[in-house]
Amino acid sequence: MDEQNVEHDRRVRALLDAHVGPNGPPPRICGYHNLRHRHNGRYLWVDFHVNVPGQTPIRDAHAIASAIEHEIEESFGEADATAHMEDCKDDGCPL
């Protein structure tokens, strides 16, 4: 049975958390959820939903997702990260 590696969970969350809000490094996101990850041999699979401001053009939203996916993949080496984009529904979001 699959189970998540606690250290990998901490590392992935730290990478994502750094981009949340107006003070993080670009690309900035409103938040994320539905984070899942697992190993298949040495290969790490990461899947998550990322929230971007609702007025973000789809091209820009894809660029944000791709940059964060790439950062995760580079951090772990043999990895495949997939971000699913969603618009932010938080009216108080600072982005």
Foldseek 3Di string as FASTA:
>chain_A
DWDDDPVLVVVLVVLQVQQDADPHDPPHFPHKDPWDWTDDDLEIEIEIETEHAPVDDPVVQVVRQVVSQVVSCVVSPRYGYGYHYDYDPDPPGPD
